[in-house]
Structures are given as C-alpha cells and as structure tokens.
PDB file of N, CA and C in Angstrom:
ATOM      1  N   MET A   1     121.009 154.268  55.358  1.00  0.00           N
ATOM      2  CA  MET A   1     120.502 153.001  55.845  1.00  0.00           C
ATOM      3  C   MET A   1     120.254 153.111  57.349  1.00  0.00           C
ATOM      4  N   PRO A   2     119.085 152.746  57.827  1.00  0.00           N
ATOM      5  CA  PRO A   2     118.776 152.846  59.248  1.00  0.00           C
ATOM      6  C   PRO A   2     119.725 152.048  60.138  1.00  0.00           C
ATOM      7  N   VAL A   3     120.239 150.918  59.657  1.00  0.00           N
ATOM      8  CA  VAL A   3     121.113 150.107  60.495  1.00  0.00           C
ATOM      9  C   VAL A   3     122.397 150.855  60.854  1.00  0.00           C
ATOM     10  N   HIS A   4     122.766 151.843  60.053  1.00  0.00           N
ATOM     11  CA  HIS A   4     123.966 152.615  60.323  1.00  0.00           C
ATOM     12  C   HIS A   4     123.684 153.913  61.070  1.00  0.00           C
ATOM     13  N   ASP A   5     122.448 154.172  61.371  1.00  0.00           N
ATOM     14  CA  ASP A   5     122.077 155.406  62.066  1.00  0.00           C
ATOM     15  C   ASP A   5     121.988 155.125  63.563  1.00  0.00           C
ATOM     16  N   TRP A   6     123.128 155.255  64.256  1.00  0.00           N
ATOM     17  CA  TRP A   6     123.164 154.939  65.683  1.00  0.00           C
ATOM     18  C   TRP A   6     122.507 156.002  66.536  1.00  0.00           C
ATOM     19  N   SER A   7     122.065 157.112  65.922  1.00  0.00           N
ATOM     20  CA  SER A   7     121.340 158.112  66.695  1.00  0.00           C
ATOM     21  C   SER A   7     119.924 157.631  67.009  1.00  0.00           C
ATOM     22  N   ARG A   8     119.517 156.527  66.419  1.00  0.00           N
ATOM     23  CA  ARG A   8     118.162 156.000  66.641  1.00  0.00           C
ATOM     24  C   ARG A   8     118.081 155.071  67.852  1.00  0.00           C
ATOM     25  N   VAL A   9     119.215 154.778  68.465  1.00  0.00           N
ATOM     26  CA  VAL A   9     119.214 153.903  69.642  1.00  0.00           C
ATOM     27  C   VAL A   9     119.922 154.609  70.786  1.00  0.00           C
ATOM     28  N   GLU A  10     119.688 154.121  71.996  1.00  0.00           N
ATOM     29  CA  GLU A  10     120.360 154.692  73.158  1.00  0.00           C
ATOM     30  C   GLU A  10     121.839 154.345  73.117  1.00  0.00           C
ATOM     31  N   SER A  11     122.648 155.165  73.767  1.00  0.00           N
ATOM     32  CA  SER A  11     124.093 154.958  73.734  1.00  0.00           C
ATOM     33  C   SER A  11     124.482 153.593  74.305  1.00  0.00           C
ATOM     34  N   GLY A  12     123.743 153.090  75.281  1.00  0.00           N
ATOM     35  CA  GLY A  12     124.041 151.778  75.857  1.00  0.00           C
ATOM     36  C   GLY A  12     123.884 150.657  74.843  1.00  0.00           C
ATOM     37  N   VAL A  13     122.932 150.776  73.939  1.00  0.00           N
ATOM     38  CA  VAL A  13     122.722 149.766  72.899  1.00  0.00           C
ATOM     39  C   VAL A  13     123.910 149.754  71.946  1.00  0.00           C
ATOM     40  N   PHE A  14     124.368 150.948  71.550  1.00  0.00           N
ATOM     41  CA  PHE A  14     125.533 151.024  70.672  1.00  0.00           C
ATOM     42  C   PHE A  14     126.762 150.443  71.358  1.00  0.00           C
ATOM     43  N   HIS A  15     126.979 150.791  72.610  1.00  0.00           N
ATOM     44  CA  HIS A  15     128.153 150.298  73.342  1.00  0.00           C
ATOM     45  C   HIS A  15     128.111 148.777  73.465  1.00  0.00           C
ATOM     46  N   ASP A  16     126.955 148.220  73.754  1.00  0.00           N
ATOM     47  CA  ASP A  16     126.816 146.770  73.866  1.00  0.00           C
ATOM     48  C   ASP A  16     127.136 146.089  72.538  1.00  0.00           C
ATOM     49  N   PHE A  17     126.604 146.615  71.455  1.00  0.00           N
ATOM     50  CA  PHE A  17     126.889 146.057  70.128  1.00  0.00           C
ATOM     51  C   PHE A  17     128.381 146.124  69.831  1.00  0.00           C
ATOM     52  N   HIS A  18     128.979 147.268  70.094  1.00  0.00           N
ATOM     53  CA  HIS A  18     130.388 147.479  69.793  1.00  0.00           C
ATOM     54  C   HIS A  18     131.272 146.501  70.567  1.00  0.00           C
ATOM     55  N   THR A  19     131.025 146.333  71.864  1.00  0.00           N
ATOM     56  CA  THR A  19     131.858 145.428  72.655  1.00  0.00           C
ATOM     57  C   THR A  19     131.615 143.970  72.272  1.00  0.00           C
ATOM     58  N   ALA A  20     130.402 143.598  71.945  1.00  0.00           N
ATOM     59  CA  ALA A  20     130.112 142.218  71.526  1.00  0.00           C
ATOM     60  C   ALA A  20     130.746 141.915  70.174  1.00  0.00           C
ATOM     61  N   TRP A  21     130.736 142.881  69.268  1.00  0.00           N
ATOM     62  CA  TRP A  21     131.309 142.693  67.929  1.00  0.00           C
ATOM     63  C   TRP A  21     132.808 142.444  68.023  1.00  0.00           C
ATOM     64  N   ILE A  22     133.507 143.209  68.870  1.00  0.00           N
ATOM     65  CA  ILE A  22     134.947 143.022  69.050  1.00  0.00           C
ATOM     66  C   ILE A  22     135.241 141.612  69.541  1.00  0.00           C
ATOM     67  N   THR A  23     134.465 141.129  70.482  1.00  0.00           N
ATOM     68  CA  THR A  23     134.664 139.785  71.025  1.00  0.00           C
ATOM     69  C   THR A  23     134.430 138.723  69.965  1.00  0.00           C
ATOM     70  N   GLU A  24     133.403 138.880  69.166  1.00  0.00           N
ATOM     71  CA  GLU A  24     133.113 137.892  68.124  1.00  0.00           C
ATOM     72  C   GLU A  24     134.208 137.850  67.058  1.00  0.00           C
ATOM     73  N   ILE A  25     134.724 139.013  66.681  1.00  0.00           N
ATOM     74  CA  ILE A  25     135.823 139.041  65.706  1.00  0.00           C
ATOM     75  C   ILE A  25     137.050 138.358  66.299  1.00  0.00           C
ATOM     76  N   ARG A  26     137.383 138.673  67.551  1.00  0.00           N
ATOM     77  CA  ARG A  26     138.518 138.032  68.216  1.00  0.00           C
ATOM     78  C   ARG A  26     138.351 136.523  68.256  1.00  0.00           C
ATOM     79  N   ASN A  27     137.172 136.055  68.624  1.00  0.00           N
ATOM     80  CA  ASN A  27     136.930 134.612  68.701  1.00  0.00           C
ATOM     81  C   ASN A  27     137.079 133.947  67.345  1.00  0.00           C
ATOM     82  N   ALA A  28     136.550 134.569  66.313  1.00  0.00           N
ATOM     83  CA  ALA A  28     136.657 134.001  64.961  1.00  0.00           C
ATOM     84  C   ALA A  28     138.119 133.918  64.524  1.00  0.00           C
ATOM     85  N   LEU A  29     138.871 134.973  64.763  1.00  0.00           N
ATOM     86  CA  LEU A  29     140.283 134.978  64.378  1.00  0.00           C
ATOM     87  C   LEU A  29     141.078 133.916  65.131  1.00  0.00           C
ATOM     88  N   ASN A  30     140.762 133.733  66.405  1.00  0.00           N
ATOM     89  CA  ASN A  30     141.505 132.781  67.230  1.00  0.00           C
ATOM     90  C   ASN A  30     141.048 131.337  67.053  1.00  0.00           C
ATOM     91  N   CYS A  31     140.038 131.113  66.259  1.00  0.00           N
ATOM     92  CA  CYS A  31     139.551 129.743  66.017  1.00  0.00           C
ATOM     93  C   CYS A  31     140.001 129.237  64.657  1.00  0.00           C
ATOM     94  N   GLY A  32     141.215 129.577  64.259  1.00  0.00           N
ATOM     95  CA  GLY A  32     141.775 128.996  63.064  1.00  0.00           C
ATOM     96  C   GLY A  32     141.948 129.924  61.875  1.00  0.00           C
ATOM     97  N   VAL A  33     141.542 131.177  61.991  1.00  0.00           N
ATOM     98  CA  VAL A  33     141.696 132.100  60.870  1.00  0.00           C
ATOM     99  C   VAL A  33     143.142 132.601  60.786  1.00  0.00           C
ATOM    100  N   LEU A  34     143.727 132.905  61.924  1.00  0.00           N
ATOM    101  CA  LEU A  34     145.099 133.416  61.947  1.00  0.00           C
ATOM    102  C   LEU A  34     146.106 132.276  61.824  1.00  0.00           C
ATOM    103  N   PRO A  35     147.271 132.560  61.255  1.00  0.00           N
ATOM    104  CA  PRO A  35     148.307 131.523  61.146  1.00  0.00           C
ATOM    105  C   PRO A  35     148.823 131.120  62.529  1.00  0.00           C
ATOM    106  N   GLU A  36     149.429 129.963  62.609  1.00  0.00           N
ATOM    107  CA  GLU A  36     149.983 129.461  63.864  1.00  0.00           C
ATOM    108  C   GLU A  36     150.985 130.474  64.420  1.00  0.00           C
ATOM    109  N   GLY A  37     150.902 130.683  65.718  1.00  0.00           N
ATOM    110  CA  GLY A  37     151.796 131.621  66.377  1.00  0.00           C
ATOM    111  C   GLY A  37     151.243 133.032  66.502  1.00  0.00           C
ATOM    112  N   TYR A  38     150.091 133.275  65.901  1.00  0.00           N
ATOM    113  CA  TYR A  38     149.444 134.582  65.992  1.00  0.00           C
ATOM    114  C   TYR A  38     148.133 134.449  66.755  1.00  0.00           C
ATOM    115  N   TYR A  39     147.738 135.515  67.427  1.00  0.00           N
ATOM    116  CA  TYR A  39     146.452 135.515  68.114  1.00  0.00           C
ATOM    117  C   TYR A  39     145.931 136.945  68.193  1.00  0.00           C
ATOM    118  N   ALA A  40     144.639 137.066  68.332  1.00  0.00           N
ATOM    119  CA  ALA A  40     143.993 138.375  68.424  1.00  0.00           C
ATOM    120  C   ALA A  40     143.605 138.656  69.878  1.00  0.00           C
ATOM    121  N   LEU A  41     143.700 139.913  70.254  1.00  0.00           N
ATOM    122  CA  LEU A  41     143.262 140.376  71.565  1.00  0.00           C
ATOM    123  C   LEU A  41     142.183 141.424  71.370  1.00  0.00           C
ATOM    124  N   ALA A  42     141.252 141.483  72.302  1.00  0.00           N
ATOM    125  CA  ALA A  42     140.205 142.507  72.235  1.00  0.00           C
ATOM    126  C   ALA A  42     140.790 143.883  72.492  1.00  0.00           C
ATOM    127  N   GLU A  43     141.762 143.961  73.395  1.00  0.00           N
ATOM    128  CA  GLU A  43     142.436 145.214  73.691  1.00  0.00           C
ATOM    129  C   GLU A  43     143.907 144.917  73.936  1.00  0.00           C
ATOM    130  N   LEU A  44     144.736 145.858  73.628  1.00  0.00           N
ATOM    131  CA  LEU A  44     146.160 145.727  73.862  1.00  0.00           C
ATOM    132  C   LEU A  44     146.617 146.870  74.737  1.00  0.00           C
ATOM    133  N   TYR A  45     147.228 146.530  75.849  1.00  0.00           N
ATOM    134  CA  TYR A  45     147.732 147.552  76.764  1.00  0.00           C
ATOM    135  C   TYR A  45     149.124 147.964  76.314  1.00  0.00           C
ATOM    136  N   CYS A  46     149.285 149.220  75.994  1.00  0.00           N
ATOM    137  CA  CYS A  46     150.585 149.756  75.560  1.00  0.00           C
ATOM    138  C   CYS A  46     150.932 150.954  76.428  1.00  0.00           C
ATOM    139  N   PRO A  47     151.703 150.746  77.475  1.00  0.00           N
ATOM    140  CA  PRO A  47     152.097 151.894  78.307  1.00  0.00           C
ATOM    141  C   PRO A  47     153.037 152.813  77.525  1.00  0.00           C
ATOM    142  N   ASN A  48     152.984 154.068  77.847  1.00  0.00           N
ATOM    143  CA  ASN A  48     153.830 155.041  77.140  1.00  0.00           C
ATOM    144  C   ASN A  48     155.270 154.861  77.451  1.00  0.00           C
TER     145      ASN A  48
END
C-alpha cells in the first residue's frame, strides 16, 4: 500500500506525521478515554 511506503516522501514529512500522530493520540486519551487518575504523555523522561 502506498500510504505505508514512507520512502516516497522526504524524511521531514514522515517526522511531521509521526510527531503530530503522537499528539493526537495523547489528546484523545486525555479527553475521557482513560479512567480517572490516569493520563497520557507524549514522552516520558526516565533517567537511568
């Protein structure tokens, strides 16, 4: 499927899609999908 062939677009287009998708999933989860007391983050900092 062409939509899954990321070699057809520049790397910046893929990166933009990827970062926007993460934000949209986070927003959807935080707008009532997750149970009370839970929340989604786009990134989690975990120091070693």
